[in-house]
PDB file of N, CA and C in Angstrom:
ATOM      1  N   MET A   1      -0.180 -56.392  47.886  1.00  0.00           N
ATOM      2  CA  MET A   1       0.433 -56.328  46.572  1.00  0.00           C
ATOM      3  C   MET A   1      -0.644 -56.593  45.518  1.00  0.00           C
ATOM      4  N   PRO A   2      -0.746 -55.693  44.512  1.00  0.00           N
ATOM      5  CA  PRO A   2      -1.791 -55.860  43.498  1.00  0.00           C
ATOM      6  C   PRO A   2      -1.590 -57.124  42.666  1.00  0.00           C
ATOM      7  N   ALA A   3      -2.686 -57.672  42.210  1.00  0.00           N
ATOM      8  CA  ALA A   3      -2.627 -58.809  41.288  1.00  0.00           C
ATOM      9  C   ALA A   3      -2.009 -58.328  39.979  1.00  0.00           C
ATOM     10  N   LYS A   4      -1.512 -59.257  39.199  1.00  0.00           N
ATOM     11  CA  LYS A   4      -0.867 -58.922  37.929  1.00  0.00           C
ATOM     12  C   LYS A   4      -1.755 -59.323  36.754  1.00  0.00           C
ATOM     13  N   ILE A   5      -1.630 -58.569  35.676  1.00  0.00           N
ATOM     14  CA  ILE A   5      -2.295 -58.896  34.421  1.00  0.00           C
ATOM     15  C   ILE A   5      -1.242 -58.921  33.316  1.00  0.00           C
ATOM     16  N   LYS A   6      -1.532 -59.650  32.249  1.00  0.00           N
ATOM     17  CA  LYS A   6      -0.642 -59.680  31.083  1.00  0.00           C
ATOM     18  C   LYS A   6      -1.370 -59.081  29.897  1.00  0.00           C
ATOM     19  N   VAL A   7      -0.654 -58.228  29.163  1.00  0.00           N
ATOM     20  CA  VAL A   7      -1.224 -57.602  27.976  1.00  0.00           C
ATOM     21  C   VAL A   7      -0.223 -57.675  26.831  1.00  0.00           C
ATOM     22  N   ARG A   8      -0.753 -57.611  25.636  1.00  0.00           N
ATOM     23  CA  ARG A   8       0.097 -57.553  24.436  1.00  0.00           C
ATOM     24  C   ARG A   8       0.094 -56.106  23.964  1.00  0.00           C
ATOM     25  N   VAL A   9       1.281 -55.579  23.711  1.00  0.00           N
ATOM     26  CA  VAL A   9       1.424 -54.191  23.287  1.00  0.00           C
ATOM     27  C   VAL A   9       2.024 -54.178  21.884  1.00  0.00           C
ATOM     28  N   LEU A  10       1.338 -53.496  20.971  1.00  0.00           N
ATOM     29  CA  LEU A  10       1.759 -53.415  19.570  1.00  0.00           C
ATOM     30  C   LEU A  10       2.216 -51.999  19.244  1.00  0.00           C
ATOM     31  N   PHE A  11       3.220 -51.901  18.378  1.00  0.00           N
ATOM     32  CA  PHE A  11       3.758 -50.606  17.969  1.00  0.00           C
ATOM     33  C   PHE A  11       3.713 -50.510  16.449  1.00  0.00           C
ATOM     34  N   PHE A  12       3.274 -49.354  15.939  1.00  0.00           N
ATOM     35  CA  PHE A  12       3.136 -49.170  14.503  1.00  0.00           C
ATOM     36  C   PHE A  12       3.885 -47.935  14.020  1.00  0.00           C
ATOM     37  N   ALA A  13       4.310 -47.986  12.745  1.00  0.00           N
ATOM     38  CA  ALA A  13       4.914 -46.867  12.024  1.00  0.00           C
ATOM     39  C   ALA A  13       6.087 -46.268  12.809  1.00  0.00           C
ATOM     40  N   LEU A  14       6.081 -44.956  13.037  1.00  0.00           N
ATOM     41  CA  LEU A  14       7.194 -44.279  13.701  1.00  0.00           C
ATOM     42  C   LEU A  14       7.449 -44.834  15.098  1.00  0.00           C
ATOM     43  N   VAL A  15       6.405 -45.203  15.813  1.00  0.00           N
ATOM     44  CA  VAL A  15       6.582 -45.774  17.156  1.00  0.00           C
ATOM     45  C   VAL A  15       7.399 -47.059  17.046  1.00  0.00           C
ATOM     46  N   LYS A  16       7.068 -47.884  16.094  1.00  0.00           N
ATOM     47  CA  LYS A  16       7.798 -49.136  15.853  1.00  0.00           C
ATOM     48  C   LYS A  16       9.259 -48.839  15.508  1.00  0.00           C
ATOM     49  N   GLU A  17       9.490 -47.843  14.658  1.00  0.00           N
ATOM     50  CA  GLU A  17      10.856 -47.473  14.281  1.00  0.00           C
ATOM     51  C   GLU A  17      11.649 -46.969  15.480  1.00  0.00           C
ATOM     52  N   LEU A  18      11.042 -46.118  16.291  1.00  0.00           N
ATOM     53  CA  LEU A  18      11.732 -45.569  17.462  1.00  0.00           C
ATOM     54  C   LEU A  18      12.113 -46.655  18.462  1.00  0.00           C
ATOM     55  N   LEU A  19      11.245 -47.635  18.630  1.00  0.00           N
ATOM     56  CA  LEU A  19      11.477 -48.662  19.639  1.00  0.00           C
ATOM     57  C   LEU A  19      12.242 -49.864  19.099  1.00  0.00           C
ATOM     58  N   GLY A  20      12.271 -50.001  17.783  1.00  0.00           N
ATOM     59  CA  GLY A  20      12.988 -51.116  17.192  1.00  0.00           C
ATOM     60  C   GLY A  20      12.297 -52.455  17.358  1.00  0.00           C
ATOM     61  N   LYS A  21      10.999 -52.414  17.625  1.00  0.00           N
ATOM     62  CA  LYS A  21      10.231 -53.660  17.743  1.00  0.00           C
ATOM     63  C   LYS A  21       8.783 -53.396  17.406  1.00  0.00           C
ATOM     64  N   ALA A  22       8.080 -54.446  17.000  1.00  0.00           N
ATOM     65  CA  ALA A  22       6.679 -54.325  16.607  1.00  0.00           C
ATOM     66  C   ALA A  22       5.721 -54.685  17.731  1.00  0.00           C
ATOM     67  N   ALA A  23       6.198 -55.449  18.721  1.00  0.00           N
ATOM     68  CA  ALA A  23       5.294 -55.893  19.790  1.00  0.00           C
ATOM     69  C   ALA A  23       6.088 -56.351  21.003  1.00  0.00           C
ATOM     70  N   THR A  24       5.405 -56.357  22.128  1.00  0.00           N
ATOM     71  CA  THR A  24       5.962 -56.899  23.363  1.00  0.00           C
ATOM     72  C   THR A  24       4.806 -57.357  24.239  1.00  0.00           C
ATOM     73  N   THR A  25       5.092 -58.225  25.163  1.00  0.00           N
ATOM     74  CA  THR A  25       4.118 -58.627  26.172  1.00  0.00           C
ATOM     75  C   THR A  25       4.574 -58.030  27.489  1.00  0.00           C
ATOM     76  N   MET A  26       3.633 -57.456  28.231  1.00  0.00           N
ATOM     77  CA  MET A  26       3.991 -56.831  29.504  1.00  0.00           C
ATOM     78  C   MET A  26       3.117 -57.372  30.620  1.00  0.00           C
ATOM     79  N   GLU A  27       3.703 -57.454  31.795  1.00  0.00           N
ATOM     80  CA  GLU A  27       2.964 -57.802  33.002  1.00  0.00           C
ATOM     81  C   GLU A  27       2.796 -56.516  33.794  1.00  0.00           C
ATOM     82  N   LEU A  28       1.562 -56.179  34.107  1.00  0.00           N
ATOM     83  CA  LEU A  28       1.222 -54.919  34.767  1.00  0.00           C
ATOM     84  C   LEU A  28       0.440 -55.190  36.039  1.00  0.00           C
ATOM     85  N   ASP A  29       0.429 -54.192  36.920  1.00  0.00           N
ATOM     86  CA  ASP A  29      -0.431 -54.282  38.098  1.00  0.00           C
ATOM     87  C   ASP A  29      -1.883 -54.168  37.657  1.00  0.00           C
ATOM     88  N   GLU A  30      -2.738 -54.967  38.259  1.00  0.00           N
ATOM     89  CA  GLU A  30      -4.169 -54.851  37.992  1.00  0.00           C
ATOM     90  C   GLU A  30      -4.595 -53.426  38.322  1.00  0.00           C
ATOM     91  N   GLY A  31      -5.428 -52.838  37.484  1.00  0.00           N
ATOM     92  CA  GLY A  31      -5.867 -51.463  37.689  1.00  0.00           C
ATOM     93  C   GLY A  31      -5.071 -50.445  36.891  1.00  0.00           C
ATOM     94  N   THR A  32      -4.021 -50.890  36.203  1.00  0.00           N
ATOM     95  CA  THR A  32      -3.231 -49.987  35.362  1.00  0.00           C
ATOM     96  C   THR A  32      -4.107 -49.459  34.233  1.00  0.00           C
ATOM     97  N   ASP A  33      -3.944 -48.170  33.918  1.00  0.00           N
ATOM     98  CA  ASP A  33      -4.685 -47.606  32.795  1.00  0.00           C
ATOM     99  C   ASP A  33      -3.721 -47.256  31.661  1.00  0.00           C
ATOM    100  N   THR A  34      -4.266 -46.798  30.548  1.00  0.00           N
ATOM    101  CA  THR A  34      -3.444 -46.526  29.373  1.00  0.00           C
ATOM    102  C   THR A  34      -2.438 -45.409  29.615  1.00  0.00           C
ATOM    103  N   ALA A  35      -2.779 -44.419  30.428  1.00  0.00           N
ATOM    104  CA  ALA A  35      -1.834 -43.340  30.731  1.00  0.00           C
ATOM    105  C   ALA A  35      -0.632 -43.885  31.501  1.00  0.00           C
ATOM    106  N   ARG A  36      -0.887 -44.740  32.474  1.00  0.00           N
ATOM    107  CA  ARG A  36       0.207 -45.340  33.248  1.00  0.00           C
ATOM    108  C   ARG A  36       1.052 -46.252  32.365  1.00  0.00           C
ATOM    109  N   LEU A  37       0.424 -46.994  31.475  1.00  0.00           N
ATOM    110  CA  LEU A  37       1.182 -47.848  30.562  1.00  0.00           C
ATOM    111  C   LEU A  37       2.111 -47.001  29.701  1.00  0.00           C
ATOM    112  N   LEU A  38       1.631 -45.873  29.198  1.00  0.00           N
ATOM    113  CA  LEU A  38       2.478 -44.996  28.392  1.00  0.00           C
ATOM    114  C   LEU A  38       3.661 -44.501  29.217  1.00  0.00           C
ATOM    115  N   GLN A  39       3.438 -44.150  30.487  1.00  0.00           N
ATOM    116  CA  GLN A  39       4.546 -43.744  31.368  1.00  0.00           C
ATOM    117  C   GLN A  39       5.562 -44.869  31.512  1.00  0.00           C
ATOM    118  N   LEU A  40       5.081 -46.077  31.739  1.00  0.00           N
ATOM    119  CA  LEU A  40       5.979 -47.223  31.884  1.00  0.00           C
ATOM    120  C   LEU A  40       6.786 -47.454  30.607  1.00  0.00           C
ATOM    121  N   LEU A  41       6.134 -47.313  29.465  1.00  0.00           N
ATOM    122  CA  LEU A  41       6.827 -47.522  28.192  1.00  0.00           C
ATOM    123  C   LEU A  41       7.880 -46.455  27.931  1.00  0.00           C
ATOM    124  N   THR A  42       7.601 -45.193  28.291  1.00  0.00           N
ATOM    125  CA  THR A  42       8.601 -44.147  28.071  1.00  0.00           C
ATOM    126  C   THR A  42       9.799 -44.322  29.000  1.00  0.00           C
ATOM    127  N   THR A  43       9.588 -44.946  30.148  1.00  0.00           N
ATOM    128  CA  THR A  43      10.713 -45.272  31.028  1.00  0.00           C
ATOM    129  C   THR A  43      11.533 -46.411  30.427  1.00  0.00           C
ATOM    130  N   LYS A  44      10.848 -47.412  29.928  1.00  0.00           N
ATOM    131  CA  LYS A  44      11.520 -48.579  29.349  1.00  0.00           C
ATOM    132  C   LYS A  44      12.164 -48.253  27.997  1.00  0.00           C
ATOM    133  N   PHE A  45      11.511 -47.394  27.217  1.00  0.00           N
ATOM    134  CA  PHE A  45      11.989 -47.016  25.883  1.00  0.00           C
ATOM    135  C   PHE A  45      12.071 -45.488  25.802  1.00  0.00           C
ATOM    136  N   PRO A  46      13.174 -44.880  26.271  1.00  0.00           N
ATOM    137  CA  PRO A  46      13.281 -43.415  26.302  1.00  0.00           C
ATOM    138  C   PRO A  46      13.048 -42.732  24.953  1.00  0.00           C
ATOM    139  N   ALA A  47      13.298 -43.407  23.848  1.00  0.00           N
ATOM    140  CA  ALA A  47      13.070 -42.806  22.528  1.00  0.00           C
ATOM    141  C   ALA A  47      11.606 -42.438  22.318  1.00  0.00           C
ATOM    142  N   LEU A  48      10.705 -43.076  23.038  1.00  0.00           N
ATOM    143  CA  LEU A  48       9.271 -42.811  22.906  1.00  0.00           C
ATOM    144  C   LEU A  48       8.885 -41.440  23.469  1.00  0.00           C
ATOM    145  N   LYS A  49       9.708 -40.883  24.354  1.00  0.00           N
ATOM    146  CA  LYS A  49       9.385 -39.594  24.979  1.00  0.00           C
ATOM    147  C   LYS A  49       9.155 -38.493  23.956  1.00  0.00           C
ATOM    148  N   SER A  50       9.870 -38.546  22.836  1.00  0.00           N
ATOM    149  CA  SER A  50       9.766 -37.473  21.844  1.00  0.00           C
ATOM    150  C   SER A  50       8.369 -37.353  21.230  1.00  0.00           C
ATOM    151  N   ILE A  51       7.588 -38.423  21.244  1.00  0.00           N
ATOM    152  CA  ILE A  51       6.234 -38.360  20.667  1.00  0.00           C
ATOM    153  C   ILE A  51       5.145 -38.775  21.653  1.00  0.00           C
ATOM    154  N   SER A  52       5.508 -38.994  22.906  1.00  0.00           N
ATOM    155  CA  SER A  52       4.529 -39.521  23.869  1.00  0.00           C
ATOM    156  C   SER A  52       3.323 -38.603  24.066  1.00  0.00           C
ATOM    157  N   GLY A  53       3.489 -37.305  23.848  1.00  0.00           N
ATOM    158  CA  GLY A  53       2.373 -36.380  24.017  1.00  0.00           C
ATOM    159  C   GLY A  53       1.358 -36.423  22.897  1.00  0.00           C
ATOM    160  N   SER A  54       1.726 -37.034  21.783  1.00  0.00           N
ATOM    161  CA  SER A  54       0.811 -37.041  20.640  1.00  0.00           C
ATOM    162  C   SER A  54       0.495 -38.439  20.120  1.00  0.00           C
ATOM    163  N   VAL A  55       0.966 -39.460  20.806  1.00  0.00           N
ATOM    164  CA  VAL A  55       0.732 -40.827  20.362  1.00  0.00           C
ATOM    165  C   VAL A  55      -0.750 -41.184  20.495  1.00  0.00           C
ATOM    166  N   MET A  56      -1.243 -41.980  19.567  1.00  0.00           N
ATOM    167  CA  MET A  56      -2.628 -42.448  19.630  1.00  0.00           C
ATOM    168  C   MET A  56      -2.630 -43.867  20.183  1.00  0.00           C
ATOM    169  N   ILE A  57      -3.670 -44.195  20.949  1.00  0.00           N
ATOM    170  CA  ILE A  57      -3.741 -45.495  21.614  1.00  0.00           C
ATOM    171  C   ILE A  57      -5.059 -46.178  21.258  1.00  0.00           C
ATOM    172  N   ALA A  58      -4.967 -47.471  20.975  1.00  0.00           N
ATOM    173  CA  ALA A  58      -6.162 -48.291  20.758  1.00  0.00           C
ATOM    174  C   ALA A  58      -6.117 -49.464  21.731  1.00  0.00           C
ATOM    175  N   VAL A  59      -7.254 -49.773  22.319  1.00  0.00           N
ATOM    176  CA  VAL A  59      -7.382 -50.933  23.198  1.00  0.00           C
ATOM    177  C   VAL A  59      -8.351 -51.894  22.519  1.00  0.00           C
ATOM    178  N   ASN A  60      -7.862 -53.088  22.262  1.00  0.00           N
ATOM    179  CA  ASN A  60      -8.669 -54.100  21.572  1.00  0.00           C
ATOM    180  C   ASN A  60      -9.276 -53.549  20.282  1.00  0.00           C
ATOM    181  N   ARG A  61      -8.431 -52.857  19.522  1.00  0.00           N
ATOM    182  CA  ARG A  61      -8.742 -52.323  18.191  1.00  0.00           C
ATOM    183  C   ARG A  61      -9.733 -51.169  18.182  1.00  0.00           C
ATOM    184  N   GLU A  62      -9.924 -50.517  19.325  1.00  0.00           N
ATOM    185  CA  GLU A  62     -10.773 -49.325  19.384  1.00  0.00           C
ATOM    186  C   GLU A  62      -9.963 -48.189  19.976  1.00  0.00           C
ATOM    187  N   TYR A  63      -9.918 -47.053  19.244  1.00  0.00           N
ATOM    188  CA  TYR A  63      -9.177 -45.901  19.749  1.00  0.00           C
ATOM    189  C   TYR A  63      -9.774 -45.425  21.061  1.00  0.00           C
ATOM    190  N   VAL A  64      -8.891 -45.006  21.966  1.00  0.00           N
ATOM    191  CA  VAL A  64      -9.323 -44.418  23.233  1.00  0.00           C
ATOM    192  C   VAL A  64      -8.716 -43.024  23.320  1.00  0.00           C
ATOM    193  N   TYR A  65      -9.472 -42.095  23.891  1.00  0.00           N
ATOM    194  CA  TYR A  65      -9.040 -40.704  23.912  1.00  0.00           C
ATOM    195  C   TYR A  65      -8.826 -40.172  25.318  1.00  0.00           C
ATOM    196  N   SER A  66      -9.043 -40.989  26.310  1.00  0.00           N
ATOM    197  CA  SER A  66      -8.742 -40.641  27.695  1.00  0.00           C
ATOM    198  C   SER A  66      -8.280 -41.930  28.365  1.00  0.00           C
ATOM    199  N   PRO A  67      -7.642 -41.830  29.516  1.00  0.00           N
ATOM    200  CA  PRO A  67      -7.154 -43.055  30.159  1.00  0.00           C
ATOM    201  C   PRO A  67      -8.262 -44.086  30.371  1.00  0.00           C
ATOM    202  N   VAL A  68      -7.965 -45.313  29.979  1.00  0.00           N
ATOM    203  CA  VAL A  68      -8.893 -46.436  30.086  1.00  0.00           C
ATOM    204  C   VAL A  68      -8.200 -47.541  30.864  1.00  0.00           C
ATOM    205  N   ARG A  69      -8.926 -48.146  31.781  1.00  0.00           N
ATOM    206  CA  ARG A  69      -8.371 -49.255  32.553  1.00  0.00           C
ATOM    207  C   ARG A  69      -8.078 -50.436  31.628  1.00  0.00           C
ATOM    208  N   ILE A  70      -6.922 -51.043  31.835  1.00  0.00           N
ATOM    209  CA  ILE A  70      -6.485 -52.181  31.028  1.00  0.00           C
ATOM    210  C   ILE A  70      -6.822 -53.464  31.775  1.00  0.00           C
ATOM    211  N   ASN A  71      -7.313 -54.452  31.044  1.00  0.00           N
ATOM    212  CA  ASN A  71      -7.681 -55.739  31.634  1.00  0.00           C
ATOM    213  C   ASN A  71      -6.766 -56.850  31.134  1.00  0.00           C
ATOM    214  N   ASN A  72      -6.717 -57.926  31.882  1.00  0.00           N
ATOM    215  CA  ASN A  72      -5.909 -59.071  31.506  1.00  0.00           C
ATOM    216  C   ASN A  72      -6.272 -59.536  30.094  1.00  0.00           C
ATOM    217  N   GLY A  73      -5.249 -59.759  29.273  1.00  0.00           N
ATOM    218  CA  GLY A  73      -5.464 -60.244  27.919  1.00  0.00           C
ATOM    219  C   GLY A  73      -5.737 -59.172  26.883  1.00  0.00           C
ATOM    220  N   ASP A  74      -5.824 -57.906  27.294  1.00  0.00           N
ATOM    221  CA  ASP A  74      -6.074 -56.833  26.333  1.00  0.00           C
ATOM    222  C   ASP A  74      -4.909 -56.690  25.360  1.00  0.00           C
ATOM    223  N   GLU A  75      -5.227 -56.128  24.203  1.00  0.00           N
ATOM    224  CA  GLU A  75      -4.226 -55.783  23.201  1.00  0.00           C
ATOM    225  C   GLU A  75      -4.231 -54.263  23.084  1.00  0.00           C
ATOM    226  N   ILE A  76      -3.090 -53.648  23.365  1.00  0.00           N
ATOM    227  CA  ILE A  76      -2.974 -52.196  23.329  1.00  0.00           C
ATOM    228  C   ILE A  76      -2.027 -51.832  22.195  1.00  0.00           C
ATOM    229  N   ALA A  77      -2.462 -50.939  21.320  1.00  0.00           N
ATOM    230  CA  ALA A  77      -1.653 -50.535  20.175  1.00  0.00           C
ATOM    231  C   ALA A  77      -1.326 -49.051  20.270  1.00  0.00           C
ATOM    232  N   PHE A  78      -0.096 -48.710  19.907  1.00  0.00           N
ATOM    233  CA  PHE A  78       0.376 -47.327  19.914  1.00  0.00           C
ATOM    234  C   PHE A  78       0.721 -46.917  18.492  1.00  0.00           C
ATOM    235  N   PHE A  79       0.144 -45.769  18.076  1.00  0.00           N
ATOM    236  CA  PHE A  79       0.335 -45.235  16.735  1.00  0.00           C
ATOM    237  C   PHE A  79       0.856 -43.807  16.838  1.00  0.00           C
ATOM    238  N   PRO A  80       1.669 -43.369  15.871  1.00  0.00           N
ATOM    239  CA  PRO A  80       2.028 -41.955  15.833  1.00  0.00           C
ATOM    240  C   PRO A  80       0.812 -41.164  15.363  1.00  0.00           C
ATOM    241  N   PRO A  81       0.844 -39.848  15.545  1.00  0.00           N
ATOM    242  CA  PRO A  81      -0.268 -39.041  15.043  1.00  0.00           C
ATOM    243  C   PRO A  81      -0.420 -39.250  13.534  1.00  0.00           C
ATOM    244  N   ILE A  82      -1.652 -39.261  13.080  1.00  0.00           N
ATOM    245  CA  ILE A  82      -1.930 -39.472  11.659  1.00  0.00           C
ATOM    246  C   ILE A  82      -2.248 -38.126  11.031  1.00  0.00           C
ATOM    247  N   SER A  83      -1.589 -37.853   9.918  1.00  0.00           N
ATOM    248  CA  SER A  83      -1.896 -36.618   9.196  1.00  0.00           C
ATOM    249  C   SER A  83      -2.084 -36.966   7.731  1.00  0.00           C
ATOM    250  N   GLY A  84      -2.751 -36.113   7.063  1.00  0.00           N
ATOM    251  CA  GLY A  84      -2.991 -36.375   5.647  1.00  0.00           C
ATOM    252  C   GLY A  84      -3.374 -35.102   4.935  1.00  0.00           C
ATOM    253  N   GLY A  85      -3.543 -35.231   3.679  1.00  0.00           N
ATOM    254  CA  GLY A  85      -3.868 -34.033   2.937  1.00  0.00           C
ATOM    255  C   GLY A  85      -4.841 -34.314   1.838  1.00  0.00           C
TER     256      GLY A  85
END
């Protein structure tokens, strides 16, 4: 059985509105990456499925653009796509 890690997950803007919360703490299997975390979140919060393909992710305040392994104590933030003019 894999060891467990704890992470803080933050939600901003539309993601926060869809989920009805700004943050949560999650216990994950060691070795979980950001892609797997997003899958777990869409299972836990089905409303997230509508934007899961375009959500932006930051780990410890740095954007990541491909799956990144999550470590104990990390802070993972989810943002909707940003657009501007």
